[in-house]
């Protein structure tokens, strides 16, 4: 049991030394009580998702009152965006504060990305991170800093200031090593210039797993080695964890530990498979180990709670993992060059996502300033019945339970029948592969496809 809550598989991960965070943050999720429920399930931290924020800001009413008030006050659009996101992170941090205290500052964080346009400028990154930290104003908040050369210089400065950071966009062992060195440099500066400090900062290194396989699998297919697909991401993660254990050990590190320094834990992110060939808990099941963090998407969290496998898998088969990476190198794959390319690609995608956020908020502000109102329909004599039913739905938290795949709402349902709820992001990630499949089918003379469906499942 955990605070009166039933034990879940997340609590089993905690017993193995792995922390469990969720990549999902929005106003309605926090205020409805869903975040509190997920904390009860075993979630120990949350990271903001810019794509979710953009879609909610554009299509939902979560932020309408705040946007209307800020617009009336003449607040610039960029500041409106900052205020909204900082408010969500602040509120989430308050919900997580008990975990922060219980873990002595190891977990219980709300992590928020800064404008990725600053990723190549150290001074702007430092200024943006300090500004966002001030906006959130919580000791258990983190700012996300990309692991670019300029970003890592900023990490050293911010850690030296005592600010907790989430180092992102890491796709290789070498990138993790550089992040670890930047973190250690910052800690050494902190200890050197301060006789005492209220608490030492915490930092994590977000290692993107599925993105590695997405890039390398395509290359392996072109090279005629499909038997090697689906192994690079896990192998790279295991090799990075091996380096973590070497870096944060030995006499020099023990001296820092006596000053309450914490290691730069690896945080597995993008742990949802982006290929239909792999099980939905593929990466989570394979990367369970002490002193690490796994970041769940809502869909992967539901899947893992339902049928995930808990074992100390991360430390298994390290020799096989290293042999696989060596085999890829023998085939001519430059893993570090691929990692650098992935970092650039994902930074560009992040910049575009922030531009989409600004566009969505600008459109919403214009709609609200013009007294735009959504269509409202009245039910006349049935209004009171509707209100009673709607109130009951809210009290029973039906919408939140649907998103957590709670099959008790429909006695005959199975969790798989609600998988479509999280299908959109998976399909977006696979658009390129689906196009390739369609082009190949057309080139082979296929002209028609028959879709065979049933109420429970659709197959092609």
Foldseek 3Di string as FASTA:
>chain_A
DPPPADAFVLVVLVVQAAAEAAADFDQCCLVLCVLVVVVSHRHFEYEYDLLVLLVCLQPHCSCLVLLQVCVVVVHDLVVSVLLRVLVRQLSQLVSNVVSCVVVVNATSAYEYEFQLVCQVPQVVLLVRQVVSCVSNVDQRYEYEHELDPSSLLNLLVCQLVQGEYEYELFAALVSLVSNQVSNVNSLVNNVVPDPDDPAHYAYAYEYEQQVLLVVVCVVCVVVPNNVLGPQQSLLRLLVSVVVQVVVCDDDVNVVSVVVVDDGHAYEYPNQAHLDPVADRNRRVLQQRHRRHYYYDYLLSVLVCRVDNDDDHRSNPPNVVSVVSVVVCVVVPDDSVVVSVVSSVVVSVVSNVSVVSSSVSSVVSSVCVVVVNDDDDDDPVPCNVVVVVVVVVCSVVVVVSCLSSQPCVVPVVDDSVQSSVVPVVVSVVSCVVVVVVVVVVCVVVPDDDDDWDDDSRDIDD
